[in-house]
Amino acid sequence: MKLKNVLIVVKDIDRSRAFYRDLFGLELVADLDGNMILTEGLVLQDERIWKSFLEREIIPENHAAELYFEEADIEGFVRRLEEYWPEVRYVNRLMTHSWGQRVVRFYDPDGHLIEVGTPV
């Protein structure tokens, strides 16, 4: 068995696609009418589809999961983040863990928690 994708629910699929393309370089693999598969296995699903399937409310910022990315040029990434998305809401600004890894945590436009850290 192999994990193929991670799906996140988004309010504005085009805005989210641009967010993940511009900040992380993820490109569109397939547009399946309300489901966009991006490189690296991230799937964006339109909130309306998810709500109709699940028949429950979406709970943004539920703090139950995190998307984790690694970036060697962490300072350059933080500059790009602040330039592209100046309204970014941080969990923590760039910090250094006791083991030396530098990380920044913030929310995407739909409240999904993201961590970007230097390679370990």
PDB file of N, CA and C in Angstrom:
ATOM      1  N   MET A   1       0.837  -1.168   0.000  1.00  0.00           N
ATOM      2  CA  MET A   1       0.000   0.000   0.000  1.00  0.00           C
ATOM      3  C   MET A   1       0.887   1.238   0.000  1.00  0.00           C
ATOM      4  N   LYS A   2       0.370   2.321  -0.590  1.00  0.00           N
ATOM      5  CA  LYS A   2       1.154   3.538  -0.729  1.00  0.00           C
ATOM      6  C   LYS A   2       0.242   4.745  -0.533  1.00  0.00           C
ATOM      7  N   LEU A   3       0.645   5.664   0.312  1.00  0.00           N
ATOM      8  CA  LEU A   3      -0.093   6.915   0.467  1.00  0.00           C
ATOM      9  C   LEU A   3       0.122   7.753  -0.786  1.00  0.00           C
ATOM     10  N   LYS A   4      -0.961   8.154  -1.436  1.00  0.00           N
ATOM     11  CA  LYS A   4      -0.867   8.870  -2.705  1.00  0.00           C
ATOM     12  C   LYS A   4      -1.046  10.374  -2.567  1.00  0.00           C
ATOM     13  N   ASN A   5      -2.002  10.799  -1.744  1.00  0.00           N
ATOM     14  CA  ASN A   5      -2.323  12.216  -1.684  1.00  0.00           C
ATOM     15  C   ASN A   5      -2.745  12.621  -0.284  1.00  0.00           C
ATOM     16  N   VAL A   6      -2.664  13.915  -0.041  1.00  0.00           N
ATOM     17  CA  VAL A   6      -3.245  14.545   1.137  1.00  0.00           C
ATOM     18  C   VAL A   6      -4.213  15.594   0.604  1.00  0.00           C
ATOM     19  N   LEU A   7      -5.464  15.550   1.064  1.00  0.00           N
ATOM     20  CA  LEU A   7      -6.506  16.443   0.577  1.00  0.00           C
ATOM     21  C   LEU A   7      -6.824  17.483   1.643  1.00  0.00           C
ATOM     22  N   ILE A   8      -6.907  18.742   1.220  1.00  0.00           N
ATOM     23  CA  ILE A   8      -7.355  19.798   2.116  1.00  0.00           C
ATOM     24  C   ILE A   8      -8.542  20.500   1.474  1.00  0.00           C
ATOM     25  N   VAL A   9      -9.451  20.948   2.305  1.00  0.00           N
ATOM     26  CA  VAL A   9     -10.678  21.604   1.851  1.00  0.00           C
ATOM     27  C   VAL A   9     -10.440  23.106   1.824  1.00  0.00           C
ATOM     28  N   VAL A  10     -10.851  23.752   0.711  1.00  0.00           N
ATOM     29  CA  VAL A  10     -10.605  25.187   0.539  1.00  0.00           C
ATOM     30  C   VAL A  10     -11.863  25.905   0.081  1.00  0.00           C
ATOM     31  N   LYS A  11     -11.977  27.159   0.469  1.00  0.00           N
ATOM     32  CA  LYS A  11     -13.136  27.973   0.078  1.00  0.00           C
ATOM     33  C   LYS A  11     -13.021  28.472  -1.364  1.00  0.00           C
ATOM     34  N   ASP A  12     -11.834  28.924  -1.743  1.00  0.00           N
ATOM     35  CA  ASP A  12     -11.588  29.491  -3.071  1.00  0.00           C
ATOM     36  C   ASP A  12     -10.450  28.692  -3.699  1.00  0.00           C
ATOM     37  N   ILE A  13     -10.795  27.725  -4.523  1.00  0.00           N
ATOM     38  CA  ILE A  13      -9.805  26.780  -5.052  1.00  0.00           C
ATOM     39  C   ILE A  13      -8.750  27.474  -5.927  1.00  0.00           C
ATOM     40  N   ASP A  14      -9.151  28.502  -6.675  1.00  0.00           N
ATOM     41  CA  ASP A  14      -8.176  29.206  -7.521  1.00  0.00           C
ATOM     42  C   ASP A  14      -7.189  30.008  -6.674  1.00  0.00           C
ATOM     43  N   ARG A  15      -7.677  30.634  -5.623  1.00  0.00           N
ATOM     44  CA  ARG A  15      -6.786  31.381  -4.720  1.00  0.00           C
ATOM     45  C   ARG A  15      -5.809  30.426  -4.043  1.00  0.00           C
ATOM     46  N   SER A  16      -6.312  29.282  -3.589  1.00  0.00           N
ATOM     47  CA  SER A  16      -5.443  28.306  -2.933  1.00  0.00           C
ATOM     48  C   SER A  16      -4.423  27.730  -3.901  1.00  0.00           C
ATOM     49  N   ARG A  17      -4.846  27.480  -5.130  1.00  0.00           N
ATOM     50  CA  ARG A  17      -3.898  26.988  -6.134  1.00  0.00           C
ATOM     51  C   ARG A  17      -2.768  27.990  -6.324  1.00  0.00           C
ATOM     52  N   ALA A  18      -3.113  29.280  -6.447  1.00  0.00           N
ATOM     53  CA  ALA A  18      -2.090  30.323  -6.611  1.00  0.00           C
ATOM     54  C   ALA A  18      -1.182  30.399  -5.382  1.00  0.00           C
ATOM     55  N   PHE A  19      -1.760  30.285  -4.191  1.00  0.00           N
ATOM     56  CA  PHE A  19      -0.991  30.326  -2.946  1.00  0.00           C
ATOM     57  C   PHE A  19       0.071  29.223  -2.934  1.00  0.00           C
ATOM     58  N   TYR A  20      -0.335  27.998  -3.202  1.00  0.00           N
ATOM     59  CA  TYR A  20       0.607  26.874  -3.156  1.00  0.00           C
ATOM     60  C   TYR A  20       1.580  26.889  -4.334  1.00  0.00           C
ATOM     61  N   ARG A  21       1.179  27.442  -5.459  1.00  0.00           N
ATOM     62  CA  ARG A  21       2.094  27.582  -6.596  1.00  0.00           C
ATOM     63  C   ARG A  21       3.141  28.650  -6.300  1.00  0.00           C
ATOM     64  N   ASP A  22       2.687  29.833  -5.886  1.00  0.00           N
ATOM     65  CA  ASP A  22       3.594  30.967  -5.706  1.00  0.00           C
ATOM     66  C   ASP A  22       4.555  30.784  -4.535  1.00  0.00           C
ATOM     67  N   LEU A  23       4.096  30.176  -3.450  1.00  0.00           N
ATOM     68  CA  LEU A  23       4.961  30.022  -2.284  1.00  0.00           C
ATOM     69  C   LEU A  23       5.776  28.738  -2.292  1.00  0.00           C
ATOM     70  N   PHE A  24       5.221  27.661  -2.801  1.00  0.00           N
ATOM     71  CA  PHE A  24       5.860  26.356  -2.680  1.00  0.00           C
ATOM     72  C   PHE A  24       6.233  25.727  -4.021  1.00  0.00           C
ATOM     73  N   GLY A  25       5.853  26.365  -5.118  1.00  0.00           N
ATOM     74  CA  GLY A  25       6.198  25.840  -6.433  1.00  0.00           C
ATOM     75  C   GLY A  25       5.387  24.626  -6.846  1.00  0.00           C
ATOM     76  N   LEU A  26       4.251  24.371  -6.197  1.00  0.00           N
ATOM     77  CA  LEU A  26       3.424  23.220  -6.560  1.00  0.00           C
ATOM     78  C   LEU A  26       2.634  23.536  -7.822  1.00  0.00           C
ATOM     79  N   GLU A  27       2.709  22.657  -8.781  1.00  0.00           N
ATOM     80  CA  GLU A  27       2.050  22.855 -10.069  1.00  0.00           C
ATOM     81  C   GLU A  27       0.826  21.957 -10.188  1.00  0.00           C
ATOM     82  N   LEU A  28      -0.081  22.348 -11.046  1.00  0.00           N
ATOM     83  CA  LEU A  28      -1.303  21.596 -11.286  1.00  0.00           C
ATOM     84  C   LEU A  28      -0.991  20.328 -12.082  1.00  0.00           C
ATOM     85  N   VAL A  29      -1.438  19.191 -11.564  1.00  0.00           N
ATOM     86  CA  VAL A  29      -1.311  17.909 -12.256  1.00  0.00           C
ATOM     87  C   VAL A  29      -2.622  17.597 -12.965  1.00  0.00           C
ATOM     88  N   ALA A  30      -3.748  17.814 -12.250  1.00  0.00           N
ATOM     89  CA  ALA A  30      -5.062  17.532 -12.832  1.00  0.00           C
ATOM     90  C   ALA A  30      -6.111  18.428 -12.189  1.00  0.00           C
ATOM     91  N   ASP A  31      -7.046  18.904 -13.009  1.00  0.00           N
ATOM     92  CA  ASP A  31      -8.185  19.693 -12.542  1.00  0.00           C
ATOM     93  C   ASP A  31      -9.420  18.838 -12.785  1.00  0.00           C
ATOM     94  N   LEU A  32      -9.987  18.333 -11.704  1.00  0.00           N
ATOM     95  CA  LEU A  32     -11.081  17.371 -11.801  1.00  0.00           C
ATOM     96  C   LEU A  32     -12.379  17.973 -11.279  1.00  0.00           C
ATOM     97  N   ASP A  33     -12.726  19.158 -11.774  1.00  0.00           N
ATOM     98  CA  ASP A  33     -14.015  19.773 -11.458  1.00  0.00           C
ATOM     99  C   ASP A  33     -14.261  19.891  -9.955  1.00  0.00           C
ATOM    100  N   GLY A  34     -13.508  20.765  -9.319  1.00  0.00           N
ATOM    101  CA  GLY A  34     -13.643  20.979  -7.883  1.00  0.00           C
ATOM    102  C   GLY A  34     -12.601  20.258  -7.056  1.00  0.00           C
ATOM    103  N   ASN A  35     -11.768  19.478  -7.704  1.00  0.00           N
ATOM    104  CA  ASN A  35     -10.621  18.807  -7.082  1.00  0.00           C
ATOM    105  C   ASN A  35      -9.399  19.104  -7.937  1.00  0.00           C
ATOM    106  N   MET A  36      -8.407  19.725  -7.353  1.00  0.00           N
ATOM    107  CA  MET A  36      -7.164  19.990  -8.074  1.00  0.00           C
ATOM    108  C   MET A  36      -6.050  19.191  -7.432  1.00  0.00           C
ATOM    109  N   ILE A  37      -5.421  18.354  -8.225  1.00  0.00           N
ATOM    110  CA  ILE A  37      -4.270  17.599  -7.759  1.00  0.00           C
ATOM    111  C   ILE A  37      -3.031  18.400  -8.130  1.00  0.00           C
ATOM    112  N   LEU A  38      -2.211  18.685  -7.125  1.00  0.00           N
ATOM    113  CA  LEU A  38      -0.974  19.433  -7.325  1.00  0.00           C
ATOM    114  C   LEU A  38       0.206  18.483  -7.191  1.00  0.00           C
ATOM    115  N   THR A  39       1.357  18.923  -7.670  1.00  0.00           N
ATOM    116  CA  THR A  39       2.566  18.129  -7.496  1.00  0.00           C
ATOM    117  C   THR A  39       2.817  17.933  -6.009  1.00  0.00           C
ATOM    118  N   GLU A  40       3.606  16.955  -5.691  1.00  0.00           N
ATOM    119  CA  GLU A  40       3.934  16.570  -4.317  1.00  0.00           C
ATOM    120  C   GLU A  40       2.756  15.922  -3.602  1.00  0.00           C
ATOM    121  N   GLY A  41       1.641  15.654  -4.315  1.00  0.00           N
ATOM    122  CA  GLY A  41       0.539  14.911  -3.734  1.00  0.00           C
ATOM    123  C   GLY A  41      -0.475  15.713  -2.948  1.00  0.00           C
ATOM    124  N   LEU A  42      -0.448  17.031  -3.063  1.00  0.00           N
ATOM    125  CA  LEU A  42      -1.442  17.845  -2.367  1.00  0.00           C
ATOM    126  C   LEU A  42      -2.677  17.992  -3.256  1.00  0.00           C
ATOM    127  N   VAL A  43      -3.850  17.730  -2.683  1.00  0.00           N
ATOM    128  CA  VAL A  43      -5.107  17.869  -3.403  1.00  0.00           C
ATOM    129  C   VAL A  43      -5.922  18.966  -2.737  1.00  0.00           C
ATOM    130  N   LEU A  44      -6.423  19.884  -3.544  1.00  0.00           N
ATOM    131  CA  LEU A  44      -7.329  20.930  -3.070  1.00  0.00           C
ATOM    132  C   LEU A  44      -8.731  20.521  -3.462  1.00  0.00           C
ATOM    133  N   GLN A  45      -9.651  20.542  -2.507  1.00  0.00           N
ATOM    134  CA  GLN A  45     -11.035  20.222  -2.832  1.00  0.00           C
ATOM    135  C   GLN A  45     -11.929  21.384  -2.430  1.00  0.00           C
ATOM    136  N   ASP A  46     -12.822  21.749  -3.348  1.00  0.00           N
ATOM    137  CA  ASP A  46     -13.777  22.820  -3.105  1.00  0.00           C
ATOM    138  C   ASP A  46     -14.646  22.474  -1.896  1.00  0.00           C
ATOM    139  N   GLU A  47     -14.808  23.429  -1.014  1.00  0.00           N
ATOM    140  CA  GLU A  47     -15.557  23.243   0.227  1.00  0.00           C
ATOM    141  C   GLU A  47     -16.982  22.728  -0.005  1.00  0.00           C
ATOM    142  N   ARG A  48     -17.622  23.194  -1.065  1.00  0.00           N
ATOM    143  CA  ARG A  48     -19.005  22.754  -1.336  1.00  0.00           C
ATOM    144  C   ARG A  48     -19.079  21.249  -1.579  1.00  0.00           C
ATOM    145  N   ILE A  49     -18.112  20.708  -2.291  1.00  0.00           N
ATOM    146  CA  ILE A  49     -18.092  19.268  -2.563  1.00  0.00           C
ATOM    147  C   ILE A  49     -17.909  18.493  -1.259  1.00  0.00           C
ATOM    148  N   TRP A  50     -16.971  18.940  -0.453  1.00  0.00           N
ATOM    149  CA  TRP A  50     -16.691  18.268   0.811  1.00  0.00           C
ATOM    150  C   TRP A  50     -17.906  18.299   1.734  1.00  0.00           C
ATOM    151  N   LYS A  51     -18.539  19.459   1.835  1.00  0.00           N
ATOM    152  CA  LYS A  51     -19.729  19.587   2.695  1.00  0.00           C
ATOM    153  C   LYS A  51     -20.855  18.678   2.226  1.00  0.00           C
ATOM    154  N   SER A  52     -21.070  18.590   0.932  1.00  0.00           N
ATOM    155  CA  SER A  52     -22.156  17.742   0.433  1.00  0.00           C
ATOM    156  C   SER A  52     -21.850  16.259   0.659  1.00  0.00           C
ATOM    157  N   PHE A  53     -20.596  15.892   0.571  1.00  0.00           N
ATOM    158  CA  PHE A  53     -20.199  14.507   0.786  1.00  0.00           C
ATOM    159  C   PHE A  53     -20.244  14.140   2.271  1.00  0.00           C
ATOM    160  N   LEU A  54     -19.669  14.992   3.096  1.00  0.00           N
ATOM    161  CA  LEU A  54     -19.534  14.697   4.517  1.00  0.00           C
ATOM    162  C   LEU A  54     -20.791  15.033   5.320  1.00  0.00           C
ATOM    163  N   GLU A  55     -21.548  16.002   4.834  1.00  0.00           N
ATOM    164  CA  GLU A  55     -22.747  16.482   5.524  1.00  0.00           C
ATOM    165  C   GLU A  55     -22.428  16.988   6.926  1.00  0.00           C
ATOM    166  N   ARG A  56     -21.310  17.694   7.043  1.00  0.00           N
ATOM    167  CA  ARG A  56     -20.881  18.315   8.300  1.00  0.00           C
ATOM    168  C   ARG A  56     -20.221  19.637   7.981  1.00  0.00           C
ATOM    169  N   GLU A  57     -20.138  20.484   8.995  1.00  0.00           N
ATOM    170  CA  GLU A  57     -19.474  21.765   8.825  1.00  0.00           C
ATOM    171  C   GLU A  57     -17.953  21.587   8.801  1.00  0.00           C
ATOM    172  N   ILE A  58     -17.302  22.462   8.076  1.00  0.00           N
ATOM    173  CA  ILE A  58     -15.845  22.502   8.040  1.00  0.00           C
ATOM    174  C   ILE A  58     -15.382  23.294   9.264  1.00  0.00           C
ATOM    175  N   ILE A  59     -14.343  22.830   9.936  1.00  0.00           N
ATOM    176  CA  ILE A  59     -13.813  23.520  11.114  1.00  0.00           C
ATOM    177  C   ILE A  59     -12.408  24.026  10.777  1.00  0.00           C
ATOM    178  N   PRO A  60     -12.307  25.289  10.341  1.00  0.00           N
ATOM    179  CA  PRO A  60     -10.969  25.822  10.042  1.00  0.00           C
ATOM    180  C   PRO A  60     -10.155  26.000  11.320  1.00  0.00           C
ATOM    181  N   GLU A  61      -8.861  26.001  11.157  1.00  0.00           N
ATOM    182  CA  GLU A  61      -7.927  26.154  12.277  1.00  0.00           C
ATOM    183  C   GLU A  61      -8.211  25.154  13.382  1.00  0.00           C
ATOM    184  N   ASN A  62      -8.422  23.905  13.007  1.00  0.00           N
ATOM    185  CA  ASN A  62      -8.722  22.888  14.023  1.00  0.00           C
ATOM    186  C   ASN A  62      -7.470  22.363  14.714  1.00  0.00           C
ATOM    187  N   HIS A  63      -6.311  22.722  14.210  1.00  0.00           N
ATOM    188  CA  HIS A  63      -5.025  22.377  14.820  1.00  0.00           C
ATOM    189  C   HIS A  63      -4.836  20.873  14.988  1.00  0.00           C
ATOM    190  N   ALA A  64      -5.436  20.085  14.105  1.00  0.00           N
ATOM    191  CA  ALA A  64      -5.326  18.638  14.190  1.00  0.00           C
ATOM    192  C   ALA A  64      -4.311  18.073  13.200  1.00  0.00           C
ATOM    193  N   ALA A  65      -3.796  18.912  12.309  1.00  0.00           N
ATOM    194  CA  ALA A  65      -2.837  18.446  11.308  1.00  0.00           C
ATOM    195  C   ALA A  65      -1.985  19.629  10.848  1.00  0.00           C
ATOM    196  N   GLU A  66      -0.899  19.296  10.178  1.00  0.00           N
ATOM    197  CA  GLU A  66       0.015  20.325   9.689  1.00  0.00           C
ATOM    198  C   GLU A  66       0.605  19.858   8.364  1.00  0.00           C
ATOM    199  N   LEU A  67       0.747  20.774   7.423  1.00  0.00           N
ATOM    200  CA  LEU A  67       1.501  20.503   6.201  1.00  0.00           C
ATOM    201  C   LEU A  67       2.937  20.947   6.475  1.00  0.00           C
ATOM    202  N   TYR A  68       3.890  20.070   6.227  1.00  0.00           N
ATOM    203  CA  TYR A  68       5.290  20.355   6.534  1.00  0.00           C
ATOM    204  C   TYR A  68       6.100  20.389   5.242  1.00  0.00           C
ATOM    205  N   PHE A  69       6.858  21.459   5.080  1.00  0.00           N
ATOM    206  CA  PHE A  69       7.747  21.630   3.931  1.00  0.00           C
ATOM    207  C   PHE A  69       9.150  21.899   4.454  1.00  0.00           C
ATOM    208  N   GLU A  70      10.159  21.514   3.672  1.00  0.00           N
ATOM    209  CA  GLU A  70      11.539  21.855   4.010  1.00  0.00           C
ATOM    210  C   GLU A  70      12.093  22.810   2.976  1.00  0.00           C
ATOM    211  N   GLU A  71      12.893  23.762   3.449  1.00  0.00           N
ATOM    212  CA  GLU A  71      13.487  24.783   2.584  1.00  0.00           C
ATOM    213  C   GLU A  71      14.843  25.180   3.161  1.00  0.00           C
ATOM    214  N   ALA A  72      15.897  25.002   2.367  1.00  0.00           N
ATOM    215  CA  ALA A  72      17.239  25.361   2.828  1.00  0.00           C
ATOM    216  C   ALA A  72      17.375  26.870   3.012  1.00  0.00           C
ATOM    217  N   ASP A  73      16.813  27.647   2.090  1.00  0.00           N
ATOM    218  CA  ASP A  73      16.886  29.116   2.174  1.00  0.00           C
ATOM    219  C   ASP A  73      15.658  29.636   2.928  1.00  0.00           C
ATOM    220  N   ILE A  74      15.625  29.407   4.221  1.00  0.00           N
ATOM    221  CA  ILE A  74      14.455  29.748   5.022  1.00  0.00           C
ATOM    222  C   ILE A  74      14.229  31.259   5.092  1.00  0.00           C
ATOM    223  N   GLU A  75      15.303  32.045   5.141  1.00  0.00           N
ATOM    224  CA  GLU A  75      15.130  33.502   5.164  1.00  0.00           C
ATOM    225  C   GLU A  75      14.509  33.992   3.858  1.00  0.00           C
ATOM    226  N   GLY A  76      14.953  33.443   2.738  1.00  0.00           N
ATOM    227  CA  GLY A  76      14.376  33.794   1.442  1.00  0.00           C
ATOM    228  C   GLY A  76      12.914  33.409   1.360  1.00  0.00           C
ATOM    229  N   PHE A  77      12.570  32.246   1.923  1.00  0.00           N
ATOM    230  CA  PHE A  77      11.175  31.835   1.933  1.00  0.00           C
ATOM    231  C   PHE A  77      10.328  32.809   2.745  1.00  0.00           C
ATOM    232  N   VAL A  78      10.797  33.198   3.922  1.00  0.00           N
ATOM    233  CA  VAL A  78      10.031  34.124   4.774  1.00  0.00           C
ATOM    234  C   VAL A  78       9.844  35.464   4.058  1.00  0.00           C
ATOM    235  N   ARG A  79      10.869  35.932   3.363  1.00  0.00           N
ATOM    236  CA  ARG A  79      10.713  37.178   2.575  1.00  0.00           C
ATOM    237  C   ARG A  79       9.645  37.010   1.498  1.00  0.00           C
ATOM    238  N   ARG A  80       9.679  35.885   0.791  1.00  0.00           N
ATOM    239  CA  ARG A  80       8.686  35.607  -0.252  1.00  0.00           C
ATOM    240  C   ARG A  80       7.283  35.518   0.359  1.00  0.00           C
ATOM    241  N   LEU A  81       7.162  34.871   1.490  1.00  0.00           N
ATOM    242  CA  LEU A  81       5.878  34.755   2.179  1.00  0.00           C
ATOM    243  C   LEU A  81       5.331  36.132   2.521  1.00  0.00           C
ATOM    244  N   GLU A  82       6.155  36.991   3.082  1.00  0.00           N
ATOM    245  CA  GLU A  82       5.693  38.324   3.489  1.00  0.00           C
ATOM    246  C   GLU A  82       5.410  39.221   2.292  1.00  0.00           C
ATOM    247  N   GLU A  83       6.137  39.038   1.201  1.00  0.00           N
ATOM    248  CA  GLU A  83       5.873  39.814  -0.013  1.00  0.00           C
ATOM    249  C   GLU A  83       4.592  39.352  -0.692  1.00  0.00           C
ATOM    250  N   TYR A  84       4.438  38.038  -0.830  1.00  0.00           N
ATOM    251  CA  TYR A  84       3.288  37.492  -1.535  1.00  0.00           C
ATOM    252  C   TYR A  84       2.017  37.590  -0.703  1.00  0.00           C
ATOM    253  N   TRP A  85       2.135  37.343   0.591  1.00  0.00           N
ATOM    254  CA  TRP A  85       0.964  37.278   1.447  1.00  0.00           C
ATOM    255  C   TRP A  85       1.208  38.088   2.714  1.00  0.00           C
ATOM    256  N   PRO A  86       1.176  39.424   2.598  1.00  0.00           N
ATOM    257  CA  PRO A  86       1.520  40.285   3.742  1.00  0.00           C
ATOM    258  C   PRO A  86       0.578  40.130   4.930  1.00  0.00           C
ATOM    259  N   GLU A  87      -0.621  39.630   4.711  1.00  0.00           N
ATOM    260  CA  GLU A  87      -1.569  39.432   5.812  1.00  0.00           C
ATOM    261  C   GLU A  87      -1.382  38.085   6.508  1.00  0.00           C
ATOM    262  N   VAL A  88      -0.256  37.428   6.269  1.00  0.00           N
ATOM    263  CA  VAL A  88       0.003  36.113   6.853  1.00  0.00           C
ATOM    264  C   VAL A  88      -0.239  36.141   8.367  1.00  0.00           C
ATOM    265  N   ARG A  89      -0.878  35.076   8.854  1.00  0.00           N
ATOM    266  CA  ARG A  89      -1.107  34.931  10.290  1.00  0.00           C
ATOM    267  C   ARG A  89      -0.151  33.850  10.802  1.00  0.00           C
ATOM    268  N   TYR A  90       0.780  34.286  11.619  1.00  0.00           N
ATOM    269  CA  TYR A  90       1.809  33.383  12.134  1.00  0.00           C
ATOM    270  C   TYR A  90       1.341  32.634  13.378  1.00  0.00           C
ATOM    271  N   VAL A  91       1.787  31.410  13.489  1.00  0.00           N
ATOM    272  CA  VAL A  91       1.754  30.694  14.755  1.00  0.00           C
ATOM    273  C   VAL A  91       3.043  31.048  15.490  1.00  0.00           C
ATOM    274  N   ASN A  92       4.152  30.962  14.771  1.00  0.00           N
ATOM    275  CA  ASN A  92       5.420  31.493  15.272  1.00  0.00           C
ATOM    276  C   ASN A  92       6.242  31.982  14.093  1.00  0.00           C
ATOM    277  N   ARG A  93       6.866  33.113  14.302  1.00  0.00           N
ATOM    278  CA  ARG A  93       7.795  33.634  13.296  1.00  0.00           C
ATOM    279  C   ARG A  93       9.037  32.750  13.292  1.00  0.00           C
ATOM    280  N   LEU A  94       9.943  33.046  12.403  1.00  0.00           N
ATOM    281  CA  LEU A  94      11.146  32.239  12.257  1.00  0.00           C
ATOM    282  C   LEU A  94      11.842  32.076  13.608  1.00  0.00           C
ATOM    283  N   MET A  95      12.065  30.821  13.976  1.00  0.00           N
ATOM    284  CA  MET A  95      12.700  30.504  15.262  1.00  0.00           C
ATOM    285  C   MET A  95      13.658  29.341  15.066  1.00  0.00           C
ATOM    286  N   THR A  96      14.488  29.108  16.059  1.00  0.00           N
ATOM    287  CA  THR A  96      15.434  27.995  16.013  1.00  0.00           C
ATOM    288  C   THR A  96      15.144  27.046  17.167  1.00  0.00           C
ATOM    289  N   HIS A  97      14.930  25.764  16.841  1.00  0.00           N
ATOM    290  CA  HIS A  97      14.728  24.742  17.867  1.00  0.00           C
ATOM    291  C   HIS A  97      16.061  24.420  18.539  1.00  0.00           C
ATOM    292  N   SER A  98      15.989  23.768  19.680  1.00  0.00           N
ATOM    293  CA  SER A  98      17.199  23.415  20.440  1.00  0.00           C
ATOM    294  C   SER A  98      18.136  22.511  19.638  1.00  0.00           C
ATOM    295  N   TRP A  99      17.606  21.748  18.669  1.00  0.00           N
ATOM    296  CA  TRP A  99      18.447  20.862  17.866  1.00  0.00           C
ATOM    297  C   TRP A  99      19.006  21.563  16.616  1.00  0.00           C
ATOM    298  N   GLY A 100      18.725  22.877  16.487  1.00  0.00           N
ATOM    299  CA  GLY A 100      19.321  23.672  15.423  1.00  0.00           C
ATOM    300  C   GLY A 100      18.457  23.915  14.204  1.00  0.00           C
ATOM    301  N   GLN A 101      17.338  23.226  14.088  1.00  0.00           N
ATOM    302  CA  GLN A 101      16.471  23.431  12.923  1.00  0.00           C
ATOM    303  C   GLN A 101      15.732  24.761  13.063  1.00  0.00           C
ATOM    304  N   ARG A 102      15.693  25.521  11.971  1.00  0.00           N
ATOM    305  CA  ARG A 102      14.966  26.792  11.936  1.00  0.00           C
ATOM    306  C   ARG A 102      13.614  26.545  11.281  1.00  0.00           C
ATOM    307  N   VAL A 103      12.551  27.063  11.883  1.00  0.00           N
ATOM    308  CA  VAL A 103      11.196  26.836  11.386  1.00  0.00           C
ATOM    309  C   VAL A 103      10.348  28.091  11.518  1.00  0.00           C
ATOM    310  N   VAL A 104       9.325  28.139  10.665  1.00  0.00           N
ATOM    311  CA  VAL A 104       8.288  29.161  10.743  1.00  0.00           C
ATOM    312  C   VAL A 104       6.958  28.426  10.577  1.00  0.00           C
ATOM    313  N   ARG A 105       5.948  28.844  11.346  1.00  0.00           N
ATOM    314  CA  ARG A 105       4.621  28.227  11.239  1.00  0.00           C
ATOM    315  C   ARG A 105       3.588  29.325  11.025  1.00  0.00           C
ATOM    316  N   PHE A 106       2.630  29.033  10.132  1.00  0.00           N
ATOM    317  CA  PHE A 106       1.612  30.018   9.789  1.00  0.00           C
ATOM    318  C   PHE A 106       0.411  29.295   9.205  1.00  0.00           C
ATOM    319  N   TYR A 107      -0.650  30.049   8.945  1.00  0.00           N
ATOM    320  CA  TYR A 107      -1.868  29.490   8.360  1.00  0.00           C
ATOM    321  C   TYR A 107      -1.974  29.850   6.889  1.00  0.00           C
ATOM    322  N   ASP A 108      -2.504  28.921   6.096  1.00  0.00           N
ATOM    323  CA  ASP A 108      -2.823  29.229   4.704  1.00  0.00           C
ATOM    324  C   ASP A 108      -4.138  30.012   4.685  1.00  0.00           C
ATOM    325  N   PRO A 109      -4.626  30.423   3.512  1.00  0.00           N
ATOM    326  CA  PRO A 109      -5.851  31.239   3.461  1.00  0.00           C
ATOM    327  C   PRO A 109      -7.083  30.587   4.079  1.00  0.00           C
ATOM    328  N   ASP A 110      -7.083  29.251   4.223  1.00  0.00           N
ATOM    329  CA  ASP A 110      -8.237  28.554   4.785  1.00  0.00           C
ATOM    330  C   ASP A 110      -8.010  28.069   6.209  1.00  0.00           C
ATOM    331  N   GLY A 111      -6.927  28.498   6.825  1.00  0.00           N
ATOM    332  CA  GLY A 111      -6.676  28.119   8.212  1.00  0.00           C
ATOM    333  C   GLY A 111      -5.970  26.803   8.405  1.00  0.00           C
ATOM    334  N   HIS A 112      -5.372  26.248   7.329  1.00  0.00           N
ATOM    335  CA  HIS A 112      -4.586  25.025   7.465  1.00  0.00           C
ATOM    336  C   HIS A 112      -3.198  25.419   7.992  1.00  0.00           C
ATOM    337  N   LEU A 113      -2.738  24.701   8.994  1.00  0.00           N
ATOM    338  CA  LEU A 113      -1.454  24.992   9.608  1.00  0.00           C
ATOM    339  C   LEU A 113      -0.324  24.488   8.705  1.00  0.00           C
ATOM    340  N   ILE A 114       0.661  25.349   8.491  1.00  0.00           N
ATOM    341  CA  ILE A 114       1.812  25.015   7.663  1.00  0.00           C
ATOM    342  C   ILE A 114       3.085  25.275   8.459  1.00  0.00           C
ATOM    343  N   GLU A 115       4.019  24.357   8.362  1.00  0.00           N
ATOM    344  CA  GLU A 115       5.350  24.552   8.936  1.00  0.00           C
ATOM    345  C   GLU A 115       6.360  24.442   7.802  1.00  0.00           C
ATOM    346  N   VAL A 116       7.292  25.379   7.772  1.00  0.00           N
ATOM    347  CA  VAL A 116       8.417  25.326   6.837  1.00  0.00           C
ATOM    348  C   VAL A 116       9.673  25.335   7.686  1.00  0.00           C
ATOM    349  N   GLY A 117      10.506  24.331   7.473  1.00  0.00           N
ATOM    350  CA  GLY A 117      11.728  24.223   8.258  1.00  0.00           C
ATOM    351  C   GLY A 117      12.923  23.931   7.382  1.00  0.00           C
ATOM    352  N   THR A 118      14.091  24.190   7.939  1.00  0.00           N
ATOM    353  CA  THR A 118      15.315  23.841   7.235  1.00  0.00           C
ATOM    354  C   THR A 118      15.454  22.317   7.277  1.00  0.00           C
ATOM    355  N   PRO A 119      16.131  21.735   6.293  1.00  0.00           N
ATOM    356  CA  PRO A 119      16.293  20.273   6.275  1.00  0.00           C
ATOM    357  C   PRO A 119      16.965  19.774   7.555  1.00  0.00           C
ATOM    358  N   VAL A 120      16.519  18.612   8.010  1.00  0.00           N
ATOM    359  CA  VAL A 120      17.100  18.008   9.215  1.00  0.00           C
ATOM    360  C   VAL A 120      18.012  16.863   8.845  1.00  0.00           C
TER     361      VAL A 120
END
